[in-house]
Amino acid sequence: MRVKRKYIIYFFLAMVLFGVILLVFTNIFLLMLSPLDTGKEIDREYGDTILVLGGGLRKGPEIGYSTEERLLLAAELFNQKKRIIIISDGSLYRRSPAIKKIKNFLENKGVPENFIRLEGRSQTTFDNFFNTQMILKEVNAREIIVCTSPYHQKRAELILHYLKIDHFKMARMKTSEIYSATSIQQRMRNLWLIGREYMAIVKFKIFKK
């Protein structure tokens, strides 16, 4: 009986080790990403306003990886058709060095400054949508294109529906850091981003914030 129990423990430990190896040394995490990635192709006819959800800064005033890929997507959509771009990010407080960085980034991609609006009070995804409602009214937004990273799209959709903001489409992001990883460090970061998102969705469904 003890021998049988010992083999069961060995088998369990081997399966755990196999799972860890898959997670750390392969891109199997993409299976976990699929339910979160809800973006759709945006054609030229849709949308008059682009809403970019900020992903914060790196150390110092540098634009964060998530913010950068979302700004790239926004610039691509703007160059498809001129649309107002609203950026909602808690790092855009008054006199923040990030403001100049973000404006320069978009201007270098072909977006004039007069098409850019900033909202800098938001600290959560819920805040992003709640705090931008006034700006959306000011620019008379009728069709909103939301730019956020693939792992973040499902939760963004849930919050938009909760706030009864239904005139939107989630833009598909073709290129993102989450789609591939060439190092263990990147895989661990991607696993953290995806895992955190699932926990945030559960939290939102329970507490509605």
C-alpha atoms as a PDB file:
ATOM      1  CA  MET A   1       0.000   0.000   0.000  1.00  0.00           C
ATOM      2  CA  ARG A   2       2.860   2.349   0.891  1.00  0.00           C
ATOM      3  CA  VAL A   3       4.594   1.530  -2.403  1.00  0.00           C
ATOM      4  CA  LYS A   4       1.445   2.377  -4.368  1.00  0.00           C
ATOM      5  CA  ARG A   5       1.091   5.673  -2.510  1.00  0.00           C
ATOM      6  CA  LYS A   6       4.746   6.472  -3.222  1.00  0.00           C
ATOM      7  CA  TYR A   7       4.225   5.959  -6.971  1.00  0.00           C
ATOM      8  CA  ILE A   8       1.124   8.156  -6.916  1.00  0.00           C
ATOM      9  CA  ILE A   9       3.159  10.948  -5.299  1.00  0.00           C
ATOM     10  CA  TYR A  10       5.955  10.498  -7.867  1.00  0.00           C
ATOM     11  CA  PHE A  11       3.423  10.609 -10.706  1.00  0.00           C
ATOM     12  CA  PHE A  12       1.841  13.771  -9.290  1.00  0.00           C
ATOM     13  CA  LEU A  13       5.239  15.476  -8.909  1.00  0.00           C
ATOM     14  CA  ALA A  14       6.189  14.450 -12.447  1.00  0.00           C
ATOM     15  CA  MET A  15       2.980  15.956 -13.827  1.00  0.00           C
ATOM     16  CA  VAL A  16       3.583  19.182 -11.901  1.00  0.00           C
ATOM     17  CA  LEU A  17       7.144  19.350 -13.236  1.00  0.00           C
ATOM     18  CA  PHE A  18       5.889  18.666 -16.778  1.00  0.00           C
ATOM     19  CA  GLY A  19       3.325  21.488 -16.416  1.00  0.00           C
ATOM     20  CA  VAL A  20       5.960  23.919 -15.175  1.00  0.00           C
ATOM     21  CA  ILE A  21       8.253  23.020 -18.091  1.00  0.00           C
ATOM     22  CA  LEU A  22       5.431  23.621 -20.581  1.00  0.00           C
ATOM     23  CA  LEU A  23       4.577  26.987 -19.045  1.00  0.00           C
ATOM     24  CA  VAL A  24       8.159  28.207 -18.753  1.00  0.00           C
ATOM     25  CA  PHE A  25       9.720  26.835 -21.940  1.00  0.00           C
ATOM     26  CA  THR A  26       6.836  26.937 -24.459  1.00  0.00           C
ATOM     27  CA  ASN A  27       4.127  29.381 -25.553  1.00  0.00           C
ATOM     28  CA  ILE A  28       1.295  27.172 -24.307  1.00  0.00           C
ATOM     29  CA  PHE A  29       0.025  30.206 -22.380  1.00  0.00           C
ATOM     30  CA  LEU A  30      -1.595  31.273 -25.663  1.00  0.00           C
ATOM     31  CA  LEU A  31      -4.351  28.737 -24.950  1.00  0.00           C
ATOM     32  CA  MET A  32      -5.174  30.760 -21.831  1.00  0.00           C
ATOM     33  CA  LEU A  33      -5.119  33.979 -23.854  1.00  0.00           C
ATOM     34  CA  SER A  34      -7.753  32.922 -26.396  1.00  0.00           C
ATOM     35  CA  PRO A  35     -10.891  33.633 -24.261  1.00  0.00           C
ATOM     36  CA  LEU A  36      -9.541  37.090 -23.362  1.00  0.00           C
ATOM     37  CA  ASP A  37      -8.652  38.174 -26.903  1.00  0.00           C
ATOM     38  CA  THR A  38     -11.943  39.487 -28.335  1.00  0.00           C
ATOM     39  CA  GLY A  39     -10.717  42.133 -30.783  1.00  0.00           C
ATOM     40  CA  LYS A  40     -12.241  42.511 -34.252  1.00  0.00           C
ATOM     41  CA  GLU A  41     -10.962  43.940 -37.511  1.00  0.00           C
ATOM     42  CA  ILE A  42     -11.950  47.607 -37.908  1.00  0.00           C
ATOM     43  CA  ASP A  43     -12.863  48.785 -41.386  1.00  0.00           C
ATOM     44  CA  ARG A  44     -12.537  52.362 -42.603  1.00  0.00           C
ATOM     45  CA  GLU A  45     -16.261  53.038 -42.327  1.00  0.00           C
ATOM     46  CA  TYR A  46     -16.530  52.415 -38.599  1.00  0.00           C
ATOM     47  CA  GLY A  47     -15.714  54.775 -35.768  1.00  0.00           C
ATOM     48  CA  ASP A  48     -15.215  58.480 -35.174  1.00  0.00           C
ATOM     49  CA  THR A  49     -13.328  58.199 -31.865  1.00  0.00           C
ATOM     50  CA  ILE A  50     -10.435  56.024 -30.699  1.00  0.00           C
ATOM     51  CA  LEU A  51     -10.116  55.340 -26.974  1.00  0.00           C
ATOM     52  CA  VAL A  52      -6.703  54.134 -25.832  1.00  0.00           C
ATOM     53  CA  LEU A  53      -6.451  52.504 -22.410  1.00  0.00           C
ATOM     54  CA  GLY A  54      -3.061  53.344 -20.953  1.00  0.00           C
ATOM     55  CA  GLY A  55      -0.752  50.641 -19.664  1.00  0.00           C
ATOM     56  CA  GLY A  56       1.357  52.889 -17.444  1.00  0.00           C
ATOM     57  CA  LEU A  57       5.052  53.755 -17.608  1.00  0.00           C
ATOM     58  CA  ARG A  58       8.266  51.851 -17.323  1.00  0.00           C
ATOM     59  CA  LYS A  59      10.805  53.037 -14.774  1.00  0.00           C
ATOM     60  CA  GLY A  60      11.123  56.754 -15.210  1.00  0.00           C
ATOM     61  CA  PRO A  61       9.077  58.616 -17.818  1.00  0.00           C
ATOM     62  CA  GLU A  62       9.380  55.954 -20.543  1.00  0.00           C
ATOM     63  CA  ILE A  63       6.179  54.699 -22.157  1.00  0.00           C
ATOM     64  CA  GLY A  64       5.287  51.196 -20.932  1.00  0.00           C
ATOM     65  CA  TYR A  65       5.292  48.188 -23.280  1.00  0.00           C
ATOM     66  CA  SER A  66       1.507  47.810 -23.123  1.00  0.00           C
ATOM     67  CA  THR A  67       0.933  51.535 -23.637  1.00  0.00           C
ATOM     68  CA  GLU A  68       3.267  51.576 -26.633  1.00  0.00           C
ATOM     69  CA  GLU A  69       1.527  48.751 -28.483  1.00  0.00           C
ATOM     70  CA  ARG A  70      -1.860  50.365 -27.840  1.00  0.00           C
ATOM     71  CA  LEU A  71      -0.630  53.718 -29.167  1.00  0.00           C
ATOM     72  CA  LEU A  72       0.755  51.983 -32.264  1.00  0.00           C
ATOM     73  CA  LEU A  73      -2.649  50.453 -32.917  1.00  0.00           C
ATOM     74  CA  ALA A  74      -4.359  53.833 -32.404  1.00  0.00           C
ATOM     75  CA  ALA A  75      -1.958  55.518 -34.843  1.00  0.00           C
ATOM     76  CA  GLU A  76      -2.588  52.789 -37.419  1.00  0.00           C
ATOM     77  CA  LEU A  77      -6.355  53.313 -37.127  1.00  0.00           C
ATOM     78  CA  PHE A  78      -5.938  57.092 -37.312  1.00  0.00           C
ATOM     79  CA  ASN A  79      -3.943  56.792 -40.517  1.00  0.00           C
ATOM     80  CA  GLN A  80      -6.695  54.563 -41.887  1.00  0.00           C
ATOM     81  CA  LYS A  81      -9.159  57.412 -41.219  1.00  0.00           C
ATOM     82  CA  LYS A  82      -8.758  60.584 -39.165  1.00  0.00           C
ATOM     83  CA  ARG A  83     -10.435  60.080 -35.787  1.00  0.00           C
ATOM     84  CA  ILE A  84     -10.143  61.794 -32.402  1.00  0.00           C
ATOM     85  CA  ILE A  85      -7.813  59.830 -30.099  1.00  0.00           C
ATOM     86  CA  ILE A  86      -8.545  59.851 -26.354  1.00  0.00           C
ATOM     87  CA  ILE A  87      -5.838  58.447 -24.086  1.00  0.00           C
ATOM     88  CA  SER A  88      -6.924  57.461 -20.587  1.00  0.00           C
ATOM     89  CA  ASP A  89      -4.032  56.755 -18.216  1.00  0.00           C
ATOM     90  CA  GLY A  90      -3.418  57.572 -14.572  1.00  0.00           C
ATOM     91  CA  SER A  91       0.185  58.507 -15.323  1.00  0.00           C
ATOM     92  CA  LEU A  92      -0.980  61.583 -17.276  1.00  0.00           C
ATOM     93  CA  TYR A  93      -1.249  63.849 -14.248  1.00  0.00           C
ATOM     94  CA  ARG A  94      -0.619  67.572 -14.710  1.00  0.00           C
ATOM     95  CA  ARG A  95       2.945  68.270 -15.893  1.00  0.00           C
ATOM     96  CA  SER A  96       3.636  64.555 -16.189  1.00  0.00           C
ATOM     97  CA  PRO A  97       6.640  63.823 -18.447  1.00  0.00           C
ATOM     98  CA  ALA A  98       4.523  61.056 -20.012  1.00  0.00           C
ATOM     99  CA  ILE A  99       2.260  63.633 -21.694  1.00  0.00           C
ATOM    100  CA  LYS A 100       5.045  64.936 -23.914  1.00  0.00           C
ATOM    101  CA  LYS A 101       6.323  61.413 -24.580  1.00  0.00           C
ATOM    102  CA  ILE A 102       2.899  60.189 -25.695  1.00  0.00           C
ATOM    103  CA  LYS A 103       2.146  63.246 -27.823  1.00  0.00           C
ATOM    104  CA  ASN A 104       5.563  63.060 -29.497  1.00  0.00           C
ATOM    105  CA  PHE A 105       5.096  59.339 -30.095  1.00  0.00           C
ATOM    106  CA  LEU A 106       1.744  59.849 -31.836  1.00  0.00           C
ATOM    107  CA  GLU A 107       2.912  62.905 -33.773  1.00  0.00           C
ATOM    108  CA  ASN A 108       5.867  60.886 -35.096  1.00  0.00           C
ATOM    109  CA  LYS A 109       3.316  58.333 -36.329  1.00  0.00           C
ATOM    110  CA  GLY A 110       1.339  60.982 -38.206  1.00  0.00           C
ATOM    111  CA  VAL A 111      -1.241  62.100 -35.603  1.00  0.00           C
ATOM    112  CA  PRO A 112      -1.540  65.912 -35.224  1.00  0.00           C
ATOM    113  CA  GLU A 113      -1.744  67.243 -31.658  1.00  0.00           C
ATOM    114  CA  ASN A 114      -5.219  68.717 -32.187  1.00  0.00           C
ATOM    115  CA  PHE A 115      -6.601  65.188 -32.613  1.00  0.00           C
ATOM    116  CA  ILE A 116      -5.294  64.060 -29.194  1.00  0.00           C
ATOM    117  CA  ARG A 117      -7.247  64.270 -25.924  1.00  0.00           C
ATOM    118  CA  LEU A 118      -5.863  63.188 -22.532  1.00  0.00           C
ATOM    119  CA  GLU A 119      -7.564  61.861 -19.406  1.00  0.00           C
ATOM    120  CA  GLY A 120      -5.158  61.425 -16.507  1.00  0.00           C
ATOM    121  CA  ARG A 121      -7.162  60.580 -13.389  1.00  0.00           C
ATOM    122  CA  SER A 122      -7.856  56.905 -14.002  1.00  0.00           C
ATOM    123  CA  GLN A 123      -6.143  54.243 -11.913  1.00  0.00           C
ATOM    124  CA  THR A 124      -8.212  51.222 -13.005  1.00  0.00           C
ATOM    125  CA  THR A 125      -9.914  49.963 -16.153  1.00  0.00           C
ATOM    126  CA  PHE A 126     -13.270  50.859 -14.638  1.00  0.00           C
ATOM    127  CA  ASP A 127     -11.964  54.419 -14.109  1.00  0.00           C
ATOM    128  CA  ASN A 128     -10.810  54.562 -17.743  1.00  0.00           C
ATOM    129  CA  PHE A 129     -14.342  54.216 -19.059  1.00  0.00           C
ATOM    130  CA  PHE A 130     -16.112  56.069 -16.266  1.00  0.00           C
ATOM    131  CA  ASN A 131     -13.816  59.114 -16.428  1.00  0.00           C
ATOM    132  CA  THR A 132     -13.766  59.388 -20.217  1.00  0.00           C
ATOM    133  CA  GLN A 133     -17.552  59.569 -20.585  1.00  0.00           C
ATOM    134  CA  MET A 134     -17.490  63.370 -20.341  1.00  0.00           C
ATOM    135  CA  ILE A 135     -14.806  63.640 -23.026  1.00  0.00           C
ATOM    136  CA  LEU A 136     -16.750  61.237 -25.235  1.00  0.00           C
ATOM    137  CA  LYS A 137     -19.745  63.553 -24.957  1.00  0.00           C
ATOM    138  CA  GLU A 138     -17.610  66.633 -25.661  1.00  0.00           C
ATOM    139  CA  VAL A 139     -16.284  65.160 -28.908  1.00  0.00           C
ATOM    140  CA  ASN A 140     -19.734  63.809 -29.780  1.00  0.00           C
ATOM    141  CA  ALA A 141     -18.482  60.242 -30.035  1.00  0.00           C
ATOM    142  CA  ARG A 142     -21.011  58.044 -31.817  1.00  0.00           C
ATOM    143  CA  GLU A 143     -18.852  54.991 -32.579  1.00  0.00           C
ATOM    144  CA  ILE A 144     -15.916  54.218 -30.303  1.00  0.00           C
ATOM    145  CA  ILE A 145     -12.930  52.053 -31.194  1.00  0.00           C
ATOM    146  CA  VAL A 146     -11.222  50.740 -28.055  1.00  0.00           C
ATOM    147  CA  CYS A 147      -7.478  50.076 -28.240  1.00  0.00           C
ATOM    148  CA  THR A 148      -6.114  47.813 -25.558  1.00  0.00           C
ATOM    149  CA  SER A 149      -3.888  44.750 -25.381  1.00  0.00           C
ATOM    150  CA  PRO A 150      -5.326  41.311 -26.303  1.00  0.00           C
ATOM    151  CA  TYR A 151      -5.220  39.972 -22.728  1.00  0.00           C
ATOM    152  CA  HIS A 152      -7.158  43.028 -21.508  1.00  0.00           C
ATOM    153  CA  GLN A 153      -9.991  43.082 -24.052  1.00  0.00           C
ATOM    154  CA  LYS A 154     -12.529  40.763 -22.420  1.00  0.00           C
ATOM    155  CA  ARG A 155     -12.557  42.672 -19.130  1.00  0.00           C
ATOM    156  CA  ALA A 156     -12.802  45.979 -20.994  1.00  0.00           C
ATOM    157  CA  GLU A 157     -15.877  44.664 -22.834  1.00  0.00           C
ATOM    158  CA  LEU A 158     -17.525  43.536 -19.593  1.00  0.00           C
ATOM    159  CA  ILE A 159     -17.070  46.972 -18.021  1.00  0.00           C
ATOM    160  CA  LEU A 160     -18.336  48.815 -21.104  1.00  0.00           C
ATOM    161  CA  HIS A 161     -21.517  46.748 -21.138  1.00  0.00           C
ATOM    162  CA  TYR A 162     -21.943  47.277 -17.390  1.00  0.00           C
ATOM    163  CA  LEU A 163     -21.730  51.066 -17.899  1.00  0.00           C
ATOM    164  CA  LYS A 164     -24.208  50.727 -20.800  1.00  0.00           C
ATOM    165  CA  ILE A 165     -21.698  52.045 -23.334  1.00  0.00           C
ATOM    166  CA  ASP A 166     -22.684  49.857 -26.252  1.00  0.00           C
ATOM    167  CA  HIS A 167     -21.616  51.885 -29.299  1.00  0.00           C
ATOM    168  CA  PHE A 168     -18.071  50.470 -29.432  1.00  0.00           C
ATOM    169  CA  LYS A 169     -15.838  47.883 -31.077  1.00  0.00           C
ATOM    170  CA  MET A 170     -12.733  46.328 -29.592  1.00  0.00           C
ATOM    171  CA  ALA A 171      -9.903  46.672 -32.117  1.00  0.00           C
ATOM    172  CA  ARG A 172      -7.940  43.555 -32.982  1.00  0.00           C
ATOM    173  CA  MET A 173      -4.237  43.884 -32.241  1.00  0.00           C
ATOM    174  CA  LYS A 174      -2.224  41.941 -34.799  1.00  0.00           C
ATOM    175  CA  THR A 175       1.151  42.487 -33.142  1.00  0.00           C
ATOM    176  CA  SER A 176       1.543  42.293 -29.371  1.00  0.00           C
ATOM    177  CA  GLU A 177       4.144  41.266 -26.828  1.00  0.00           C
ATOM    178  CA  ILE A 178       1.636  38.705 -25.513  1.00  0.00           C
ATOM    179  CA  TYR A 179       1.574  36.671 -28.742  1.00  0.00           C
ATOM    180  CA  SER A 180       5.142  35.497 -28.553  1.00  0.00           C
ATOM    181  CA  ALA A 181       7.972  35.107 -26.110  1.00  0.00           C
ATOM    182  CA  THR A 182      11.593  34.264 -26.826  1.00  0.00           C
ATOM    183  CA  SER A 183      12.848  34.107 -23.255  1.00  0.00           C
ATOM    184  CA  ILE A 184      11.801  32.660 -19.915  1.00  0.00           C
ATOM    185  CA  GLN A 185      11.479  36.191 -18.557  1.00  0.00           C
ATOM    186  CA  GLN A 186       9.001  37.135 -21.284  1.00  0.00           C
ATOM    187  CA  ARG A 187       6.984  33.960 -20.757  1.00  0.00           C
ATOM    188  CA  MET A 188       6.784  34.614 -17.032  1.00  0.00           C
ATOM    189  CA  ARG A 189       5.633  38.181 -17.720  1.00  0.00           C
ATOM    190  CA  ASN A 190       2.993  36.953 -20.164  1.00  0.00           C
ATOM    191  CA  LEU A 191       1.754  34.340 -17.697  1.00  0.00           C
ATOM    192  CA  TRP A 192       1.510  37.025 -15.026  1.00  0.00           C
ATOM    193  CA  LEU A 193      -0.435  39.378 -17.325  1.00  0.00           C
ATOM    194  CA  ILE A 194      -2.903  36.655 -18.321  1.00  0.00           C
ATOM    195  CA  GLY A 195      -3.307  35.224 -14.826  1.00  0.00           C
ATOM    196  CA  ARG A 196      -3.826  38.671 -13.330  1.00  0.00           C
ATOM    197  CA  GLU A 197      -6.494  39.373 -15.923  1.00  0.00           C
ATOM    198  CA  TYR A 198      -8.511  36.275 -15.033  1.00  0.00           C
ATOM    199  CA  MET A 199      -8.382  37.283 -11.364  1.00  0.00           C
ATOM    200  CA  ALA A 200      -9.476  40.831 -12.260  1.00  0.00           C
ATOM    201  CA  ILE A 201     -12.456  39.488 -14.238  1.00  0.00           C
ATOM    202  CA  VAL A 202     -13.571  37.400 -11.257  1.00  0.00           C
ATOM    203  CA  LYS A 203     -13.176  40.426  -8.994  1.00  0.00           C
ATOM    204  CA  PHE A 204     -15.241  42.593 -11.341  1.00  0.00           C
ATOM    205  CA  LYS A 205     -18.032  40.033 -11.595  1.00  0.00           C
ATOM    206  CA  ILE A 206     -18.245  39.923  -7.798  1.00  0.00           C
ATOM    207  CA  PHE A 207     -17.704  43.566  -6.836  1.00  0.00           C
ATOM    208  CA  LYS A 208     -18.551  45.389 -10.106  1.00  0.00           C
ATOM    209  CA  LYS A 209     -15.438  47.559  -9.967  1.00  0.00           C
END
